[in-house]
Amino acid sequence: MIERFFRVTERRSTVGRELRGGLVTFVAMAYIVVLNPLILGSVSAEGPGAKPDALGDVLGVSQVAAVTSLVAGVMTLLFGLIVNYPFAIAAGLGINALVAFTIAPQMTWPEAMGLVVVEGLIVVLLAATGFRTAIFNVVPQSLKAAIAVGIGLFIALIGLVDAGFVRRLPDAANTTVPVGLGIGNSIASWPTFVFVVGLLVTGLLVARGIRGGILIGVAVTTVLAIVVEAIVQVGAQGPANPGGWALSVPALPDSVVGLPDLSLVGAVSFGAFTSVDLLTVALLIFTLVLADFFDTLGTVTGLGRQAGFIGPDGQLPRIGPALVVDAAGAVAGGAASASSNTVYIESAAGIADGARTGLANVVTGVLFLLAMFFTPLYTVVPIEAAARRW
């Protein structure tokens, strides 16, 4: 039955290779279950790492971790079963930062996620009609590269700020220099030390091609942060302690396994169309569509080429269904408050290990669903331990 459904032999693969490839892909991209809650969520509305909306409300870290795993698991399974490609799906970096730092402060969190749902529906329509592929083919390569670079620089700056390597200046609104180096031009703080060590460790692992290098780097840096806090007792960041931990003070968790809190599923509102200026809403949706539009096509094409799916005509077979399911990830992500979900370039790790069918996605998706039950563990990770991935 597995052979008939996934055509494993026809793709010159084996069941064992698909199972291993799915595991490798999960390990390579599991960091998003830790990172997405740190980008979207907060411990409180008053802390230095808070991301409050226009009403001052925040999303809980554990709740975001649970829905991040849920949507990634469901959409990865659907992509594997419908498209039969080993391309895993999860919350997209760049779009989640845009939602947290640009969109949410102008409206409520449910309204911000409502815009993500609208963006996803627009992209689904563009993909289903073939318009998305047609536009992609006529856009100059230089513009596609510029969009990717711009998103990358945006993510990098946010990571550096949240890690404490650079900080917003108190009078940033009255100067052309919005950020400065560390505290008073000094990066001599324990959280920044942990960030730098994590950056070096992760960079070394990734450069050497270690499977799951990013996830290993997050784990190692988290352990280092717990040790540093136990010895030095840095404490939480605040006016009297600017060199403290930005989001949460690292400590051993009370538990490792727990039931996932899925209360954010369905917490969506479309009230932004009446509570915010209509032109602003239109521009925000356009920005979301633009970021999702080109990022996905580039990723899908690159993965298809690596897997050997690109035909002599330079086209990827089943590109239509692939783009529709990917766009549906944006709708699902917004509906669950996990931000827009999209195909992940880290799927290349599983492809390099031999994955060629959607069976690998089934493995990856099931592992993401199991990851929902480890949300107490994710709340331990300080933002300094994960920020270097940004």
Protein backbone atom coordinates (compact mmCIF):
# COMPACT_ATOMS: atom_id res chain seq x y z
CA MET A 1 0.00 0.00 0.00
CA ILE A 2 2.84 2.38 0.87
CA GLU A 3 4.56 1.57 -2.42
CA ARG A 4 1.44 2.20 -4.47
CA PHE A 5 0.56 5.46 -2.73
CA PHE A 6 4.01 7.09 -2.51
CA ARG A 7 5.66 5.37 -5.52
CA VAL A 8 8.84 4.87 -3.51
CA THR A 9 10.57 2.54 -5.98
CA GLU A 10 9.60 4.70 -8.93
CA ARG A 11 11.40 7.61 -7.24
CA ARG A 12 14.48 5.36 -6.81
CA SER A 13 14.19 5.30 -3.04
CA THR A 14 13.40 2.83 -0.26
CA VAL A 15 11.06 2.92 2.73
CA GLY A 16 14.02 2.95 5.09
CA ARG A 17 15.61 5.86 3.27
CA GLU A 18 12.33 7.81 3.42
CA LEU A 19 11.95 7.20 7.15
CA ARG A 20 15.51 8.31 7.79
CA GLY A 21 15.12 11.35 5.54
CA GLY A 22 11.98 12.44 7.38
CA LEU A 23 13.78 12.20 10.71
CA VAL A 24 16.74 14.20 9.40
CA THR A 25 14.44 16.94 8.08
CA PHE A 26 12.69 17.20 11.45
CA VAL A 27 15.97 17.48 13.32
CA ALA A 28 17.17 20.15 10.87
CA MET A 29 14.09 22.37 11.28
CA ALA A 30 12.85 21.55 14.80
CA TYR A 31 14.46 24.79 16.00
CA ILE A 32 11.37 26.65 14.73
CA VAL A 33 9.33 25.16 17.59
CA VAL A 34 11.68 27.04 19.93
CA LEU A 35 12.29 30.14 17.83
CA ASN A 36 8.75 30.98 16.70
CA PRO A 37 7.44 31.34 20.30
CA LEU A 38 10.37 33.63 21.09
CA ILE A 39 9.54 35.82 18.09
CA LEU A 40 5.77 35.94 18.58
CA GLY A 41 5.33 35.20 22.27
CA SER A 42 6.20 36.90 25.53
CA VAL A 43 6.28 36.01 29.20
CA SER A 44 4.48 39.22 30.17
CA ALA A 45 3.44 42.55 28.68
CA GLU A 46 5.85 44.51 30.88
CA GLY A 47 9.11 42.62 30.34
CA PRO A 48 11.90 43.84 28.02
CA GLY A 49 11.23 41.03 25.57
CA ALA A 50 7.49 41.69 25.34
CA LYS A 51 5.69 41.92 21.99
CA PRO A 52 2.39 43.55 23.01
CA ASP A 53 -0.32 44.41 20.52
CA ALA A 54 -2.19 47.72 20.39
CA LEU A 55 -4.11 46.76 23.56
CA GLY A 56 -1.00 45.63 25.45
CA ASP A 57 -1.87 41.93 25.19
CA VAL A 58 0.79 39.29 24.46
CA LEU A 59 0.80 35.71 23.19
CA GLY A 60 2.06 33.11 25.67
CA VAL A 61 5.28 31.33 24.77
CA SER A 62 3.94 27.86 25.61
CA GLN A 63 0.74 28.44 23.63
CA VAL A 64 2.68 29.61 20.56
CA ALA A 65 5.00 26.60 20.83
CA ALA A 66 2.00 24.26 20.85
CA VAL A 67 0.29 25.78 17.79
CA THR A 68 3.63 26.05 15.96
CA SER A 69 4.06 22.29 16.30
CA LEU A 70 0.41 21.60 15.47
CA VAL A 71 0.28 23.57 12.21
CA ALA A 72 3.73 22.38 11.09
CA GLY A 73 2.72 18.78 11.70
CA VAL A 74 -0.65 18.99 9.94
CA MET A 75 0.56 20.98 6.92
CA THR A 76 3.68 18.83 6.46
CA LEU A 77 1.49 15.72 6.48
CA LEU A 78 -0.91 17.26 3.95
CA PHE A 79 1.91 18.29 1.65
CA GLY A 80 3.35 14.78 1.71
CA LEU A 81 0.00 13.08 1.14
CA ILE A 82 -1.28 15.46 -1.57
CA VAL A 83 1.86 16.47 -3.47
CA ASN A 84 4.07 13.46 -2.63
CA TYR A 85 7.22 15.57 -2.27
CA PRO A 86 9.55 15.56 0.77
CA PHE A 87 9.09 19.30 1.39
CA ALA A 88 8.26 20.04 5.03
CA ILE A 89 6.25 23.11 6.11
CA ALA A 90 6.51 25.30 9.23
CA ALA A 91 6.17 28.91 10.40
CA GLY A 92 8.11 31.15 8.04
CA LEU A 93 10.95 33.24 9.42
CA GLY A 94 10.71 36.83 8.33
CA ILE A 95 6.93 36.84 8.09
CA ASN A 96 6.59 36.00 11.80
CA ALA A 97 8.96 38.84 12.67
CA LEU A 98 6.98 41.19 10.43
CA VAL A 99 3.79 40.19 12.22
CA ALA A 100 5.29 40.57 15.70
CA PHE A 101 7.19 43.83 15.30
CA THR A 102 5.31 45.73 12.58
CA ILE A 103 1.70 44.53 12.36
CA ALA A 104 0.68 43.54 15.91
CA PRO A 105 1.60 46.92 17.51
CA GLN A 106 -1.00 48.57 15.23
CA MET A 107 -3.91 46.27 16.12
CA THR A 108 -4.83 43.31 18.32
CA TRP A 109 -3.13 39.93 17.97
CA PRO A 110 -6.33 38.27 16.62
CA GLU A 111 -6.63 41.06 14.04
CA ALA A 112 -2.97 40.66 13.04
CA MET A 113 -3.49 36.93 12.52
CA GLY A 114 -6.65 37.74 10.58
CA LEU A 115 -4.50 39.64 8.09
CA VAL A 116 -2.27 36.57 7.78
CA VAL A 117 -5.35 34.49 6.96
CA VAL A 118 -6.42 37.02 4.32
CA GLU A 119 -2.91 37.01 2.86
CA GLY A 120 -3.01 33.22 2.72
CA LEU A 121 -6.37 33.21 0.94
CA ILE A 122 -5.04 35.67 -1.64
CA VAL A 123 -1.96 33.50 -2.28
CA VAL A 124 -4.16 30.37 -2.50
CA LEU A 125 -6.22 32.11 -5.18
CA LEU A 126 -3.11 33.23 -7.07
CA ALA A 127 -1.64 29.72 -6.87
CA ALA A 128 -4.85 27.93 -7.89
CA THR A 129 -5.25 30.12 -10.99
CA GLY A 130 -1.60 29.73 -12.03
CA PHE A 131 -1.05 33.47 -11.68
CA ARG A 132 1.58 32.97 -8.98
CA THR A 133 3.82 30.89 -11.22
CA ALA A 134 3.34 33.26 -14.17
CA ILE A 135 4.43 36.28 -12.12
CA PHE A 136 7.42 34.42 -10.75
CA ASN A 137 8.65 33.68 -14.27
CA VAL A 138 8.64 37.35 -15.34
CA VAL A 139 10.22 38.93 -12.24
CA PRO A 140 13.96 39.62 -12.71
CA GLN A 141 16.31 37.39 -10.76
CA SER A 142 18.01 40.43 -9.23
CA LEU A 143 14.72 41.58 -7.66
CA LYS A 144 14.03 38.11 -6.27
CA ALA A 145 17.48 38.09 -4.69
CA ALA A 146 17.03 41.62 -3.33
CA ILE A 147 13.76 40.67 -1.60
CA ALA A 148 15.41 37.64 0.03
CA VAL A 149 18.40 39.73 1.17
CA GLY A 150 16.12 42.43 2.58
CA ILE A 151 14.12 39.91 4.61
CA GLY A 152 17.36 38.34 5.85
CA LEU A 153 18.78 41.68 7.00
CA PHE A 154 15.51 42.50 8.77
CA ILE A 155 15.63 39.19 10.65
CA ALA A 156 19.32 39.61 11.50
CA LEU A 157 18.79 43.07 13.01
CA ILE A 158 15.93 41.82 15.19
CA GLY A 159 18.08 38.92 16.39
CA LEU A 160 21.00 41.21 17.26
CA VAL A 161 18.71 43.55 19.19
CA ASP A 162 16.97 40.78 21.15
CA ALA A 163 20.34 39.18 21.94
CA GLY A 164 21.55 42.46 23.44
CA PHE A 165 24.42 42.73 20.98
CA VAL A 166 22.92 45.99 19.79
CA ARG A 167 20.19 47.92 21.59
CA ARG A 168 17.61 50.53 20.81
CA LEU A 169 18.73 53.98 21.89
CA PRO A 170 16.45 55.84 24.34
CA ASP A 171 16.20 58.81 21.98
CA ALA A 172 16.04 56.72 18.78
CA ALA A 173 13.09 58.76 17.54
CA ASN A 174 15.20 61.92 17.56
CA THR A 175 18.36 60.59 15.94
CA THR A 176 19.47 59.02 12.68
CA VAL A 177 21.15 56.23 14.68
CA PRO A 178 18.36 53.90 15.95
CA VAL A 179 20.59 51.37 17.72
CA GLY A 180 23.93 51.31 19.56
CA LEU A 181 26.41 48.61 20.47
CA GLY A 182 25.48 46.79 23.68
CA ILE A 183 25.09 48.89 26.84
CA GLY A 184 26.85 52.22 26.44
CA ASN A 185 28.84 50.82 23.48
CA SER A 186 29.91 47.81 25.55
CA ILE A 187 28.82 44.20 24.98
CA ALA A 188 30.31 43.02 28.27
CA SER A 189 27.29 41.19 29.70
CA TRP A 190 26.68 37.52 30.44
CA PRO A 191 23.63 37.14 28.14
CA THR A 192 25.59 38.64 25.24
CA PHE A 193 28.47 36.29 26.06
CA VAL A 194 26.06 33.34 25.82
CA PHE A 195 24.77 34.67 22.48
CA VAL A 196 28.28 35.00 21.03
CA VAL A 197 29.28 31.51 22.17
CA GLY A 198 26.07 30.10 20.69
CA LEU A 199 26.69 31.94 17.43
CA LEU A 200 30.19 30.45 17.13
CA VAL A 201 29.07 26.93 18.08
CA THR A 202 26.14 26.95 15.67
CA GLY A 203 28.19 28.48 12.87
CA LEU A 204 30.81 25.77 13.28
CA LEU A 205 28.21 22.97 13.26
CA VAL A 206 26.41 24.34 10.21
CA ALA A 207 29.66 25.00 8.32
CA ARG A 208 30.74 21.40 8.92
CA GLY A 209 27.39 20.10 7.67
CA ILE A 210 26.34 18.51 10.97
CA ARG A 211 22.72 17.29 10.79
CA GLY A 212 20.55 19.34 13.12
CA GLY A 213 23.38 21.80 13.72
CA ILE A 214 21.00 24.65 14.54
CA LEU A 215 18.97 22.56 16.99
CA ILE A 216 22.14 21.26 18.65
CA GLY A 217 23.43 24.83 18.91
CA VAL A 218 20.21 25.97 20.61
CA ALA A 219 20.40 23.06 23.09
CA VAL A 220 24.08 23.61 23.91
CA THR A 221 23.62 27.36 24.36
CA THR A 222 20.57 26.83 26.57
CA VAL A 223 22.56 24.52 28.84
CA LEU A 224 25.34 27.12 28.97
CA ALA A 225 22.78 29.82 29.87
CA ILE A 226 21.37 27.69 32.70
CA VAL A 227 24.88 27.10 34.07
CA VAL A 228 25.80 30.79 33.82
CA GLU A 229 22.59 31.84 35.59
CA ALA A 230 23.12 29.26 38.35
CA ILE A 231 26.66 30.53 39.02
CA VAL A 232 26.42 34.29 38.39
CA GLN A 233 22.67 34.84 39.02
CA VAL A 234 22.30 37.45 36.29
CA GLY A 235 18.56 37.90 36.77
CA ALA A 236 15.93 39.41 34.51
CA GLN A 237 16.61 42.51 32.45
CA GLY A 238 15.15 45.76 33.77
CA PRO A 239 15.93 49.44 34.40
CA ALA A 240 18.13 48.53 37.37
CA ASN A 241 19.65 45.53 35.59
CA PRO A 242 20.16 46.34 31.87
CA GLY A 243 22.57 43.42 31.48
CA GLY A 244 20.00 40.79 32.49
CA TRP A 245 18.23 38.15 30.43
CA ALA A 246 15.89 39.75 27.88
CA LEU A 247 12.91 37.38 27.80
CA SER A 248 13.12 34.66 30.44
CA VAL A 249 15.65 33.70 33.11
CA PRO A 250 17.06 30.27 32.16
CA ALA A 251 16.50 27.56 34.76
CA LEU A 252 15.77 23.85 34.85
CA PRO A 253 12.11 23.17 33.96
CA ASP A 254 9.64 21.79 36.47
CA SER A 255 8.56 19.24 33.87
CA VAL A 256 9.54 18.13 30.39
CA VAL A 257 6.27 16.70 29.06
CA GLY A 258 2.82 18.25 29.32
CA LEU A 259 -0.50 18.56 27.52
CA PRO A 260 -0.34 21.24 24.81
CA ASP A 261 -2.32 24.44 25.29
CA LEU A 262 -4.15 24.96 21.98
CA SER A 263 -6.26 27.89 23.15
CA LEU A 264 -4.88 30.11 20.36
CA VAL A 265 -6.48 27.97 17.65
CA GLY A 266 -9.32 29.99 16.14
CA ALA A 267 -8.38 33.22 17.97
CA VAL A 268 -8.72 35.24 14.77
CA SER A 269 -10.52 38.48 13.98
CA PHE A 270 -10.97 40.51 10.80
CA GLY A 271 -11.68 43.69 12.73
CA ALA A 272 -8.52 45.37 11.39
CA PHE A 273 -10.49 46.43 8.32
CA THR A 274 -12.60 48.70 10.54
CA SER A 275 -10.23 49.55 13.41
CA VAL A 276 -7.20 50.49 11.29
CA ASP A 277 -6.86 52.81 8.31
CA LEU A 278 -7.84 50.85 5.19
CA LEU A 279 -4.76 51.97 3.23
CA THR A 280 -2.51 50.77 6.05
CA VAL A 281 -4.27 47.39 6.11
CA ALA A 282 -3.91 47.06 2.33
CA LEU A 283 -0.18 47.86 2.46
CA LEU A 284 0.38 45.37 5.30
CA ILE A 285 -1.41 42.60 3.40
CA PHE A 286 0.55 43.45 0.25
CA THR A 287 3.81 43.21 2.23
CA LEU A 288 2.81 39.81 3.60
CA VAL A 289 1.86 38.56 0.13
CA LEU A 290 5.11 39.85 -1.36
CA ALA A 291 7.27 38.17 1.31
CA ASP A 292 5.41 34.86 1.09
CA PHE A 293 5.09 34.96 -2.70
CA PHE A 294 8.74 34.97 -3.71
CA ASP A 295 10.22 33.17 -0.71
CA THR A 296 8.15 30.06 -1.37
CA LEU A 297 8.76 29.86 -5.10
CA GLY A 298 12.50 30.15 -4.66
CA THR A 299 12.53 27.50 -1.94
CA VAL A 300 10.32 25.04 -3.83
CA THR A 301 12.36 25.42 -7.01
CA GLY A 302 15.65 24.92 -5.14
CA LEU A 303 14.39 21.81 -3.34
CA GLY A 304 12.94 20.41 -6.57
CA ARG A 305 16.26 20.86 -8.33
CA GLN A 306 18.17 19.14 -5.49
CA ALA A 307 15.76 16.20 -5.49
CA GLY A 308 16.02 15.84 -9.28
CA PHE A 309 12.36 16.66 -9.89
CA ILE A 310 12.98 19.55 -12.30
CA GLY A 311 12.24 18.42 -15.85
CA PRO A 312 14.16 19.23 -19.07
CA ASP A 313 11.91 22.25 -19.55
CA GLY A 314 13.10 23.68 -16.23
CA GLN A 315 9.67 23.25 -14.63
CA LEU A 316 8.76 21.38 -11.44
CA PRO A 317 6.01 18.77 -11.99
CA ARG A 318 2.95 19.25 -9.75
CA ILE A 319 4.02 22.83 -9.01
CA GLY A 320 0.35 23.87 -8.98
CA PRO A 321 -0.78 21.59 -6.11
CA ALA A 322 2.49 22.30 -4.29
CA LEU A 323 1.90 26.05 -4.31
CA VAL A 324 -1.76 25.66 -3.30
CA VAL A 325 -0.92 23.49 -0.27
CA ASP A 326 1.92 25.82 0.66
CA ALA A 327 -0.45 28.81 0.48
CA ALA A 328 -2.96 26.93 2.61
CA GLY A 329 -0.21 26.84 5.25
CA ALA A 330 -0.51 30.61 5.54
CA VAL A 331 -4.26 30.31 6.17
CA ALA A 332 -3.76 27.54 8.74
CA GLY A 333 -0.93 29.39 10.46
CA GLY A 334 -2.97 32.57 10.80
CA ALA A 335 -6.04 30.68 12.01
CA ALA A 336 -3.96 29.07 14.77
CA SER A 337 -1.95 32.24 15.65
CA ALA A 338 1.28 30.55 14.57
CA SER A 339 1.91 33.02 11.73
CA SER A 340 2.15 32.10 8.05
CA ASN A 341 3.54 28.62 7.34
CA THR A 342 5.59 27.87 4.25
CA VAL A 343 7.90 25.27 2.71
CA TYR A 344 11.24 25.08 4.53
CA ILE A 345 14.64 25.09 2.87
CA GLU A 346 15.84 22.79 5.69
CA SER A 347 13.97 20.02 3.86
CA ALA A 348 17.18 19.88 1.81
CA ALA A 349 18.75 17.96 4.70
CA GLY A 350 16.31 15.08 4.29
CA ILE A 351 16.58 15.20 0.51
CA ALA A 352 20.36 15.00 0.77
CA ASP A 353 19.87 11.91 2.95
CA GLY A 354 17.83 10.23 0.21
CA ALA A 355 14.21 11.31 0.77
CA ARG A 356 12.27 11.52 -2.50
CA THR A 357 8.59 11.03 -1.60
CA GLY A 358 5.88 12.32 0.69
CA LEU A 359 6.50 9.38 3.03
CA ALA A 360 9.38 11.38 4.49
CA ASN A 361 6.92 14.21 5.14
CA VAL A 362 4.65 11.83 7.03
CA VAL A 363 7.53 11.05 9.39
CA THR A 364 8.41 14.72 9.81
CA GLY A 365 4.78 15.70 10.36
CA VAL A 366 4.19 13.03 13.01
CA LEU A 367 7.33 14.15 14.87
CA PHE A 368 6.09 17.76 14.85
CA LEU A 369 2.76 16.62 16.32
CA LEU A 370 4.62 14.73 19.06
CA ALA A 371 6.67 17.86 19.74
CA MET A 372 3.48 19.56 20.98
CA PHE A 373 3.75 17.58 24.19
CA PHE A 374 7.18 19.02 25.07
CA THR A 375 6.14 22.68 25.34
CA PRO A 376 7.28 22.99 29.00
CA LEU A 377 10.80 22.33 27.77
CA TYR A 378 10.72 25.08 25.14
CA THR A 379 9.93 27.81 27.70
CA VAL A 380 13.37 27.27 29.26
CA VAL A 381 15.25 28.54 26.19
CA PRO A 382 16.40 32.17 26.61
CA ILE A 383 16.12 34.40 23.57
CA GLU A 384 19.92 34.86 23.63
CA ALA A 385 20.28 31.12 22.94
CA ALA A 386 18.08 31.20 19.85
CA ALA A 387 18.60 34.71 18.46
CA ARG A 388 21.68 33.84 16.38
CA ARG A 389 19.47 31.74 14.06
CA TRP A 390 17.69 34.96 13.03
